C-alpha cells in the first residue's frame, strides 16, 4: 500500500520503516544523505544506531502511555494519542486498515473501564432506589391485604355474642333497608330529632349534679375556705347517687316508651304494659321529689340572703327552680322516648360495632393509595439517573473514538477519517459509539435489571378477599 504524505512532512523512504522483517536476515537499505554522513555510495554506519534508538524511544513511550491508561482506567487524550502514534511507528505500512490495532483496543478498553466506573456508581444508587421501591410495594400490598382481612375480624354483636364484621354489615344493611322502606311508605316512627336536642339530657345531668352538690354541701356544712374534707366527699357521693339514679331511671322510662311508638310518631299510651306504667309513675314521683327538694333548698337560700323582707320573692324564685327542674326531667324522658325508634337504636349499635375495624381498613387503603405516587416519583428519578449515567459513561467512549480518529488523521494508516459512528436515534447510545464488534461496550445488564425491577411490580399472590 502507499502511505499518504502530508505537505509539511519531509519525504522519507519506505525502506526505512522500523517494522521487523519476516525473515531472520536483515538486508541493508539505502538511506538519504545526512549532514556529516559518509561519502556517496558508502553505507552510513550511524543509521542503524539512530533507528535502534528511535525504536527504543518509541517502545518506551508506547509502554509508558499504555501503562498510564491501564492504571488510571480512563482515556487521557494526549497520552492515548502518543501511544497510537508510537504504535503506528512500530507497525508501519503492514497493518490492515479494516481491523483495530492493539493500542486502539487498549484505548477503547480504558474508555470502557471509565464508563463502567460511572455505571457502577449509578448502579449502587439505582439498587438503593430499587430496594426502596420494593419496600414501598411490599408495604402497599401488606396494607391492602390487612384492609381486606379487617372484615373478617370478630366484633361484639349488639344482640350478644361475637360475629364477623361482614355478617354484622349484612344485618346492618337489612335493617337499613327495612327503615328506608317504612320511611318511604310515610312512617314517622323513625324520625330523629336535631342533634342539639339530643344533647340536652347530658346538659340536664350536669346541671342537676351541680345544684345537688351545692345543696348537699350546705347540708353537710362544707367549709369552702378549705373544701377538701370528709363533708365534701359525702356531699359528692350524695349528689352523684341522686343524679345518676334519677337520670338512669328517667332514661329507662323513655326507652320503654319508645318501644310503643306507632308509625304516626306518637306513643300509644293505651298499649303500655305494666312495667312501663310503673316506670312512668315512679319517674313522676321522682321528678316531684327532686322538684320539692329544689323548692325547699332554694327558699332557704333566698331567706338566708334576703331575710324576713323577702316576701313573695322567696316563693317565686323557689317555684321557678322547681318548675324548671320538672320540665328538664320531663324533657329527658321525652327525648329518649321520641328520638328515633328501637330499629334506629339497633342500627346505631351495629354501626358502632363495626366502626373501628372499618375505619382501620379505610385508613390502610388510603395509605396504600398514596404509595403509587411515591413510587412514580422514585421511578422517574431513577430513570433520570440512569440516562445521566449512560450519557456520562458514553463520554469516555466518545473520547476514545475521538483520539483514535485524531490518530488516524495524523498517521493516515487505517482508512478514512470520516468513519461513520452510531446513530443515537436508532438505539440507546450517544454519537461517537462504534458499532464494530471489536469495540468494547459497557455492560448495561445490571442497570437494565435495576430499571426493570423499578418499573415493574412483583407478581401478586392469590389472597382471599
Protein backbone atom coordinates (compact mmCIF):
# COMPACT_ATOMS: atom_id res chain seq x y z
CA UNK A 1 0.00 0.00 0.00
CA UNK A 2 1.07 3.58 -0.43
CA UNK A 3 1.12 5.91 2.58
CA UNK A 4 -0.20 9.40 2.02
CA UNK A 5 2.25 12.09 2.92
CA UNK A 6 1.33 15.48 4.36
CA UNK A 7 2.73 18.54 2.70
CA UNK A 8 4.57 19.67 5.82
CA UNK A 9 6.29 16.32 6.40
CA UNK A 10 9.73 15.66 4.83
CA UNK A 11 9.93 12.86 2.27
CA UNK A 12 11.08 9.54 3.53
CA UNK A 13 11.99 6.19 2.10
CA UNK A 14 9.69 3.29 2.80
CA UNK A 15 12.69 1.09 3.18
CA UNK A 16 13.48 2.90 6.39
CA UNK A 17 10.32 1.59 8.09
CA UNK A 18 11.19 0.22 11.50
CA UNK A 19 8.91 -2.81 11.19
CA UNK A 20 10.74 -6.08 11.85
CA UNK A 21 11.13 -8.08 8.61
CA UNK A 22 9.63 -11.51 8.33
CA UNK A 23 12.89 -13.39 7.81
CA UNK A 24 15.79 -13.52 10.22
CA UNK A 25 18.15 -11.81 7.72
CA UNK A 26 18.44 -8.09 7.58
CA UNK A 27 19.10 -6.52 4.20
CA UNK A 28 20.76 -3.16 4.36
CA UNK A 29 18.73 -0.37 2.87
CA UNK A 30 19.90 2.82 1.38
CA UNK A 31 19.25 5.96 3.36
CA UNK A 32 19.27 9.56 2.26
CA UNK A 33 22.34 11.53 2.86
CA UNK A 34 22.52 13.19 6.28
CA UNK A 35 24.67 16.06 7.29
CA UNK A 36 28.04 14.58 8.30
CA UNK A 37 27.30 11.23 6.60
CA UNK A 38 29.70 9.09 4.64
CA UNK A 39 30.60 9.91 1.04
CA UNK A 40 28.16 8.96 -1.73
CA UNK A 41 27.87 5.24 -2.35
CA UNK A 42 29.09 4.29 1.14
CA UNK A 43 26.75 2.90 3.88
CA UNK A 44 26.00 5.18 6.77
CA UNK A 45 27.18 3.41 9.90
CA UNK A 46 25.19 5.72 12.20
CA UNK A 47 21.84 4.93 10.56
CA UNK A 48 21.27 1.60 12.42
CA UNK A 49 22.16 3.29 15.70
CA UNK A 50 19.66 6.07 15.06
CA UNK A 51 16.98 3.53 14.08
CA UNK A 52 17.61 1.43 17.22
CA UNK A 53 17.44 4.48 19.47
CA UNK A 54 14.22 5.62 17.78
CA UNK A 55 12.79 2.13 18.21
CA UNK A 56 13.67 2.07 21.92
CA UNK A 57 12.25 5.54 22.50
CA UNK A 58 9.06 4.61 20.63
CA UNK A 59 8.72 1.37 22.57
CA UNK A 60 9.29 3.13 25.89
CA UNK A 61 6.77 5.84 25.01
CA UNK A 62 4.23 3.23 23.95
CA UNK A 63 4.79 1.18 27.10
CA UNK A 64 4.57 4.23 29.34
CA UNK A 65 1.39 5.52 27.66
CA UNK A 66 -0.35 2.16 27.79
CA UNK A 67 0.65 1.67 31.43
CA UNK A 68 -0.82 5.05 32.34
CA UNK A 69 -4.08 4.27 30.61
CA UNK A 70 -4.36 0.83 32.15
CA UNK A 71 -3.54 2.14 35.62
CA UNK A 72 -5.86 5.15 35.61
CA UNK A 73 -8.66 3.39 33.79
CA UNK A 74 -9.59 6.41 31.72
CA UNK A 75 -8.61 7.90 28.42
CA UNK A 76 -6.18 10.81 28.64
CA UNK A 77 -6.27 12.26 25.14
CA UNK A 78 -2.64 13.31 24.99
CA UNK A 79 -1.35 10.03 26.39
CA UNK A 80 -3.61 7.92 24.19
CA UNK A 81 -2.71 9.86 21.06
CA UNK A 82 1.01 9.44 21.80
CA UNK A 83 0.51 5.69 22.27
CA UNK A 84 -1.36 5.34 18.99
CA UNK A 85 1.25 7.28 17.06
CA UNK A 86 4.05 5.26 18.66
CA UNK A 87 2.32 2.01 17.76
CA UNK A 88 1.86 3.15 14.18
CA UNK A 89 5.59 3.73 14.05
CA UNK A 90 6.17 0.10 15.05
CA UNK A 91 3.56 -1.35 12.70
CA UNK A 92 4.40 0.67 9.62
CA UNK A 93 2.52 0.11 6.39
CA UNK A 94 1.86 -3.57 7.06
CA UNK A 95 -1.30 -3.02 9.07
CA UNK A 96 -4.83 -3.88 7.96
CA UNK A 97 -6.93 -0.69 7.85
CA UNK A 98 -10.16 -2.66 8.47
CA UNK A 99 -9.02 -4.07 11.82
CA UNK A 100 -8.27 -2.12 15.01
CA UNK A 101 -4.77 -2.28 16.38
CA UNK A 102 -3.80 -3.47 19.84
CA UNK A 103 -3.35 0.09 21.12
CA UNK A 104 -6.77 1.09 19.79
CA UNK A 105 -8.25 -1.88 21.61
CA UNK A 106 -6.46 -0.84 24.81
CA UNK A 107 -7.73 2.74 24.42
CA UNK A 108 -11.29 1.52 23.99
CA UNK A 109 -10.82 -0.87 26.92
CA UNK A 110 -9.66 2.03 29.11
CA UNK A 111 -12.67 4.02 27.96
CA UNK A 112 -14.89 1.06 28.80
CA UNK A 113 -13.34 0.88 32.27
CA UNK A 114 -14.10 4.55 32.90
CA UNK A 115 -17.62 4.04 31.59
CA UNK A 116 -18.06 1.02 33.86
CA UNK A 117 -16.90 3.11 36.82
CA UNK A 118 -19.67 5.66 36.20
CA UNK A 119 -22.19 2.90 35.63
CA UNK A 120 -21.20 1.09 38.83
CA UNK A 121 -21.66 4.27 40.87
CA UNK A 122 -25.05 4.84 39.33
CA UNK A 123 -25.82 1.15 39.74
CA UNK A 124 -25.43 1.44 43.51
CA UNK A 125 -27.84 4.38 43.57
CA UNK A 126 -30.30 2.51 41.37
CA UNK A 127 -30.04 -0.55 43.59
CA UNK A 128 -30.90 1.57 46.63
CA UNK A 129 -33.83 3.09 44.72
CA UNK A 130 -34.98 -0.40 43.68
CA UNK A 131 -34.83 -1.64 47.29
CA UNK A 132 -36.83 1.36 48.49
CA UNK A 133 -39.42 0.90 45.77
CA UNK A 134 -39.65 -2.82 46.60
CA UNK A 135 -40.25 -1.91 50.23
CA UNK A 136 -42.95 0.57 49.20
CA UNK A 137 -44.64 -2.03 47.00
CA UNK A 138 -44.44 -4.59 49.81
CA UNK A 139 -45.96 -2.05 52.21
CA UNK A 140 -48.73 -1.29 49.72
CA UNK A 141 -49.53 -4.98 49.30
CA UNK A 142 -49.44 -5.53 53.07
CA UNK A 143 -51.81 -2.63 53.70
CA UNK A 144 -54.26 -3.86 51.07
CA UNK A 145 -54.18 -7.42 52.42
CA UNK A 146 -54.68 -6.25 56.00
CA UNK A 147 -57.54 -3.98 54.87
CA UNK A 148 -59.25 -6.96 53.20
CA UNK A 149 -58.89 -9.06 56.35
CA UNK A 150 -60.50 -6.42 58.57
CA UNK A 151 -63.96 -7.51 57.52
CA UNK A 152 -63.21 -10.95 58.97
CA UNK A 153 -62.48 -9.53 62.45
CA UNK A 154 -64.74 -10.65 65.28
CA UNK A 155 -66.72 -7.88 66.99
CA UNK A 156 -69.32 -7.81 69.74
CA UNK A 157 -72.81 -8.10 68.34
CA UNK A 158 -75.40 -5.80 69.96
CA UNK A 159 -77.67 -8.80 70.37
CA UNK A 160 -74.99 -10.76 72.22
CA UNK A 161 -72.07 -12.91 71.23
CA UNK A 162 -69.44 -12.26 68.55
CA UNK A 163 -69.75 -12.15 64.79
CA UNK A 164 -67.54 -11.09 61.91
CA UNK A 165 -67.67 -7.59 60.56
CA UNK A 166 -69.03 -8.93 57.27
CA UNK A 167 -72.02 -10.59 58.99
CA UNK A 168 -72.73 -7.51 61.09
CA UNK A 169 -72.67 -5.42 57.93
CA UNK A 170 -75.25 -7.73 56.37
CA UNK A 171 -77.56 -7.29 59.40
CA UNK A 172 -76.98 -3.56 59.21
CA UNK A 173 -77.86 -3.47 55.51
CA UNK A 174 -81.04 -5.46 56.08
CA UNK A 175 -82.11 -3.18 58.94
CA UNK A 176 -81.31 -0.10 56.88
CA UNK A 177 -83.45 -1.42 54.04
CA UNK A 178 -86.34 -2.02 56.45
CA UNK A 179 -86.15 1.51 57.91
CA UNK A 180 -85.87 3.13 54.48
CA UNK A 181 -88.83 1.11 53.23
CA UNK A 182 -91.06 2.19 56.13
CA UNK A 183 -89.99 5.82 55.79
CA UNK A 184 -90.73 5.67 52.06
CA UNK A 185 -94.26 4.47 52.86
CA UNK A 186 -94.90 7.52 55.07
CA UNK A 187 -93.96 6.24 58.53
CA UNK A 188 -92.84 8.82 61.12
CA UNK A 189 -91.75 6.25 63.63
CA UNK A 190 -88.04 6.51 62.81
CA UNK A 191 -87.73 10.30 62.68
CA UNK A 192 -84.78 11.72 64.58
CA UNK A 193 -84.60 14.98 66.48
CA UNK A 194 -81.95 17.62 65.79
CA UNK A 195 -78.54 16.85 67.24
CA UNK A 196 -78.66 19.75 69.69
CA UNK A 197 -81.89 18.47 71.20
CA UNK A 198 -80.35 15.04 71.61
CA UNK A 199 -77.57 16.61 73.72
CA UNK A 200 -79.97 18.24 76.21
CA UNK A 201 -80.24 15.20 78.57
CA UNK A 202 -76.47 15.31 79.16
CA UNK A 203 -76.66 19.03 79.99
CA UNK A 204 -79.54 18.34 82.38
CA UNK A 205 -77.43 15.65 84.07
CA UNK A 206 -74.54 18.10 84.56
CA UNK A 207 -76.74 20.94 85.88
CA UNK A 208 -78.63 18.65 88.27
CA UNK A 209 -75.37 17.31 89.63
CA UNK A 210 -74.05 20.84 90.23
CA UNK A 211 -77.19 22.04 92.01
CA UNK A 212 -77.50 18.92 94.14
CA UNK A 213 -73.82 19.15 95.08
CA UNK A 214 -74.31 22.74 96.22
CA UNK A 215 -77.42 21.86 98.22
CA UNK A 216 -75.85 18.79 99.86
CA UNK A 217 -72.68 20.75 100.57
CA UNK A 218 -74.79 23.20 102.55
CA UNK A 219 -76.50 20.39 104.39
CA UNK A 220 -73.18 18.69 105.29
CA UNK A 221 -71.58 22.01 106.35
CA UNK A 222 -68.71 22.04 103.84
CA UNK A 223 -66.18 24.77 104.60
CA UNK A 224 -65.38 26.31 101.19
CA UNK A 225 -62.26 28.02 102.59
CA UNK A 226 -60.76 24.50 102.90
CA UNK A 227 -63.15 22.36 100.84
CA UNK A 228 -61.08 19.14 100.83
CA UNK A 229 -62.74 17.28 103.69
CA UNK A 230 -64.93 14.35 104.54
CA UNK A 231 -68.01 16.56 104.35
CA UNK A 232 -67.27 17.42 100.72
CA UNK A 233 -66.73 13.76 99.88
CA UNK A 234 -70.08 12.91 101.48
CA UNK A 235 -71.78 15.71 99.53
CA UNK A 236 -70.23 14.46 96.27
CA UNK A 237 -71.40 10.94 97.00
CA UNK A 238 -74.97 12.07 97.70
CA UNK A 239 -75.13 14.32 94.63
CA UNK A 240 -73.70 11.63 92.32
CA UNK A 241 -76.05 8.96 93.69
CA UNK A 242 -79.20 11.06 93.36
CA UNK A 243 -78.28 12.40 89.91
CA UNK A 244 -77.19 9.05 88.45
CA UNK A 245 -80.16 7.09 89.76
CA UNK A 246 -82.72 9.69 88.78
CA UNK A 247 -81.22 10.21 85.31
CA UNK A 248 -80.89 6.46 84.74
CA UNK A 249 -84.47 5.80 85.74
CA UNK A 250 -85.76 8.62 83.54
CA UNK A 251 -83.77 7.30 80.60
CA UNK A 252 -85.06 3.78 81.24
CA UNK A 253 -88.63 5.06 81.21
CA UNK A 254 -88.01 6.90 77.95
CA UNK A 255 -86.57 3.76 76.32
CA UNK A 256 -89.60 1.73 77.44
CA UNK A 257 -91.96 4.33 75.98
CA UNK A 258 -90.02 4.36 72.69
CA UNK A 259 -90.92 0.74 72.09
CA UNK A 260 -94.64 1.71 71.89
CA UNK A 261 -94.26 4.31 69.17
CA UNK A 262 -96.53 3.81 66.22
CA UNK A 263 -95.98 4.91 62.63
CA UNK A 264 -97.56 8.29 63.38
CA UNK A 265 -94.60 9.13 65.62
CA UNK A 266 -96.61 9.20 68.88
CA UNK A 267 -96.50 6.84 71.86
CA UNK A 268 -99.55 4.58 72.16
CA UNK A 269 -100.27 5.14 75.90
CA UNK A 270 -103.22 2.73 75.98
CA UNK A 271 -100.99 -0.16 74.89
CA UNK A 272 -98.40 0.25 77.65
CA UNK A 273 -97.54 -2.81 79.67
CA UNK A 274 -97.46 -2.93 83.46
CA UNK A 275 -93.71 -2.39 83.81
CA UNK A 276 -93.81 0.69 81.60
CA UNK A 277 -96.76 2.12 83.56
CA UNK A 278 -94.93 1.52 86.83
CA UNK A 279 -91.84 3.20 85.39
CA UNK A 280 -93.87 6.23 84.33
CA UNK A 281 -95.43 6.53 87.79
CA UNK A 282 -92.11 6.12 89.57
CA UNK A 283 -90.50 8.69 87.26
CA UNK A 284 -93.28 11.15 88.07
CA UNK A 285 -92.76 10.65 91.79
CA UNK A 286 -89.00 11.06 91.45
CA UNK A 287 -89.37 14.24 89.40
CA UNK A 288 -91.72 15.73 92.01
CA UNK A 289 -89.38 14.75 94.87
CA UNK A 290 -86.45 16.43 93.18
CA UNK A 291 -88.56 19.49 92.41
CA UNK A 292 -89.62 19.68 96.05
CA UNK A 293 -86.00 19.45 97.16
CA UNK A 294 -85.12 22.26 94.77
CA UNK A 295 -88.02 24.38 96.04
CA UNK A 296 -87.21 23.94 99.73
CA UNK A 297 -83.49 24.40 99.38
CA UNK A 298 -83.76 27.45 97.17
CA UNK A 299 -86.35 29.02 99.51
CA UNK A 300 -83.90 28.55 102.40
CA UNK A 301 -81.03 30.09 100.43
CA UNK A 302 -83.13 33.15 99.48
CA UNK A 303 -84.27 33.61 103.06
CA UNK A 304 -80.65 33.49 104.23
CA UNK A 305 -79.76 36.06 101.62
CA UNK A 306 -82.74 38.49 101.91
CA UNK A 307 -84.03 37.83 105.42
CA UNK A 308 -87.60 38.36 106.52
CA UNK A 309 -88.13 41.12 103.95
CA UNK A 310 -88.03 38.66 101.05
CA UNK A 311 -91.79 38.26 100.93
CA UNK A 312 -93.14 36.90 97.67
CA UNK A 313 -89.65 36.82 96.10
CA UNK A 314 -88.81 33.68 98.08
CA UNK A 315 -91.79 31.79 96.72
CA UNK A 316 -91.32 32.97 93.14
CA UNK A 317 -87.64 32.04 92.94
CA UNK A 318 -88.11 28.67 94.62
CA UNK A 319 -91.18 27.91 92.49
CA UNK A 320 -89.34 28.82 89.27
CA UNK A 321 -86.46 26.48 90.12
CA UNK A 322 -88.88 23.67 90.96
CA UNK A 323 -90.83 24.09 87.71
CA UNK A 324 -87.62 24.22 85.67
CA UNK A 325 -86.46 21.03 87.38
CA UNK A 326 -89.73 19.29 86.49
CA UNK A 327 -89.55 20.43 82.85
CA UNK A 328 -85.92 19.40 82.50
CA UNK A 329 -86.55 15.92 83.84
CA UNK A 330 -89.67 15.52 81.75
CA UNK A 331 -87.65 16.60 78.71
CA UNK A 332 -85.15 13.83 79.44
CA UNK A 333 -87.94 11.25 79.28
CA UNK A 334 -89.50 12.79 76.15
CA UNK A 335 -86.25 12.95 74.21
CA UNK A 336 -85.38 9.33 74.96
CA UNK A 337 -88.91 8.26 74.01
CA UNK A 338 -89.39 10.25 70.79
CA UNK A 339 -85.88 10.44 69.28
CA UNK A 340 -85.89 7.67 66.69
CA UNK A 341 -87.06 4.11 67.29
CA UNK A 342 -85.78 0.79 68.52
CA UNK A 343 -84.75 -0.09 64.97
CA UNK A 344 -82.77 3.13 64.67
CA UNK A 345 -81.09 2.48 68.03
CA UNK A 346 -80.18 -1.05 66.93
CA UNK A 347 -78.81 0.31 63.66
CA UNK A 348 -76.63 2.71 65.64
CA UNK A 349 -75.38 -0.16 67.78
CA UNK A 350 -74.50 -2.23 64.70
CA UNK A 351 -72.68 0.72 63.17
CA UNK A 352 -70.74 1.35 66.38
CA UNK A 353 -69.69 -2.33 66.49
CA UNK A 354 -68.15 -2.20 63.01
CA UNK A 355 -66.86 1.36 63.18
CA UNK A 356 -63.36 0.60 64.44
CA UNK A 357 -62.32 -2.21 62.04
CA UNK A 358 -63.88 -0.46 59.04
CA UNK A 359 -62.15 2.79 59.94
CA UNK A 360 -58.82 0.98 60.22
CA UNK A 361 -59.39 -0.68 56.84
CA UNK A 362 -60.22 2.68 55.29
CA UNK A 363 -57.03 4.26 56.66
CA UNK A 364 -54.98 1.33 55.33
CA UNK A 365 -56.49 1.67 51.85
CA UNK A 366 -55.87 5.41 51.96
CA UNK A 367 -52.19 4.89 52.79
CA UNK A 368 -51.91 2.20 50.10
CA UNK A 369 -53.50 4.54 47.54
CA UNK A 370 -50.82 7.18 48.20
CA UNK A 371 -47.88 4.80 47.77
CA UNK A 372 -48.05 4.53 43.90
CA UNK A 373 -47.45 8.26 43.62
CA UNK A 374 -44.31 7.95 45.73
CA UNK A 375 -43.23 5.00 43.58
CA UNK A 376 -43.81 7.04 40.42
CA UNK A 377 -41.64 9.88 41.72
CA UNK A 378 -38.82 7.49 42.63
CA UNK A 379 -39.20 5.68 39.31
CA UNK A 380 -38.86 8.89 37.30
CA UNK A 381 -35.89 9.95 39.43
CA UNK A 382 -34.19 6.58 38.87
CA UNK A 383 -34.72 6.74 35.11
CA UNK A 384 -33.22 10.23 35.00
CA UNK A 385 -30.22 8.98 36.96
CA UNK A 386 -29.84 6.00 34.60
CA UNK A 387 -29.96 8.17 31.48
CA UNK A 388 -27.45 10.56 33.03
CA UNK A 389 -25.16 7.64 33.92
CA UNK A 390 -25.30 6.27 30.36
CA UNK A 391 -24.54 9.72 29.00
CA UNK A 392 -21.55 10.18 31.31
CA UNK A 393 -20.31 6.69 30.51
CA UNK A 394 -20.63 7.47 26.83
CA UNK A 395 -18.27 10.41 27.18
CA UNK A 396 -15.38 8.01 27.85
CA UNK A 397 -16.14 6.02 24.72
CA UNK A 398 -16.59 9.22 22.73
CA UNK A 399 -13.17 10.39 23.95
CA UNK A 400 -11.63 7.08 22.82
CA UNK A 401 -13.21 7.36 19.36
CA UNK A 402 -12.08 10.95 19.04
CA UNK A 403 -8.49 10.06 19.98
CA UNK A 404 -8.45 7.15 17.52
CA UNK A 405 -9.85 9.35 14.76
CA UNK A 406 -7.27 12.01 15.58
CA UNK A 407 -4.50 9.40 15.35
CA UNK A 408 -5.87 8.25 12.00
CA UNK A 409 -5.82 11.81 10.80
CA UNK A 410 -2.16 12.16 11.83
CA UNK A 411 -0.61 8.95 10.52
CA UNK A 412 -3.19 8.19 7.76
CA UNK A 413 -2.62 4.49 8.20
CA UNK A 414 -6.01 2.93 8.93
CA UNK A 415 -8.62 4.10 6.50
CA UNK A 416 -10.56 7.35 6.04
CA UNK A 417 -11.08 9.83 8.85
CA UNK A 418 -14.85 10.05 8.35
CA UNK A 419 -15.69 6.56 9.59
CA UNK A 420 -19.42 6.62 10.46
CA UNK A 421 -20.36 6.26 14.09
CA UNK A 422 -23.57 5.03 15.68
CA UNK A 423 -26.78 6.94 15.12
CA UNK A 424 -28.20 7.92 18.54
CA UNK A 425 -31.72 7.93 17.09
CA UNK A 426 -31.71 4.18 16.46
CA UNK A 427 -30.76 2.86 19.89
CA UNK A 428 -29.85 3.87 23.43
CA UNK A 429 -26.43 5.24 22.64
CA UNK A 430 -24.83 8.59 22.01
CA UNK A 431 -22.95 9.92 19.00
CA UNK A 432 -19.42 8.53 18.96
CA UNK A 433 -20.19 4.89 19.79
CA UNK A 434 -18.73 2.50 17.25
CA UNK A 435 -20.81 -0.40 16.04
CA UNK A 436 -17.83 -2.63 15.36
CA UNK A 437 -17.77 -5.99 17.04
CA UNK A 438 -14.23 -5.42 18.29
CA UNK A 439 -15.15 -2.15 20.08
CA UNK A 440 -15.72 -2.88 23.81
CA UNK A 441 -19.00 -1.61 25.25
CA UNK A 442 -20.04 -1.22 28.90
CA UNK A 443 -22.20 -3.92 30.45
CA UNK A 444 -25.69 -2.44 30.82
CA UNK A 445 -27.36 -5.62 32.09
CA UNK A 446 -27.25 -4.67 35.83
CA UNK A 447 -28.60 -1.22 35.04
CA UNK A 448 -31.35 -2.64 32.84
CA UNK A 449 -32.25 -5.17 35.54
CA UNK A 450 -32.50 -2.45 38.19
CA UNK A 451 -34.69 -0.31 35.93
CA UNK A 452 -36.88 -3.32 35.16
CA UNK A 453 -37.37 -4.01 38.88
CA UNK A 454 -38.08 -0.33 39.50
CA UNK A 455 -40.64 -0.09 36.69
CA UNK A 456 -42.47 -3.39 37.24
CA UNK A 457 -44.25 -4.63 40.33
CA UNK A 458 -43.65 -8.15 41.69
CA UNK A 459 -46.31 -10.77 40.85
CA UNK A 460 -49.25 -10.75 43.21
CA UNK A 461 -50.04 -13.85 45.19
CA UNK A 462 -53.60 -15.10 45.46
CA UNK A 463 -55.17 -13.88 48.69
CA UNK A 464 -58.71 -14.47 49.96
CA UNK A 465 -60.96 -11.48 49.52
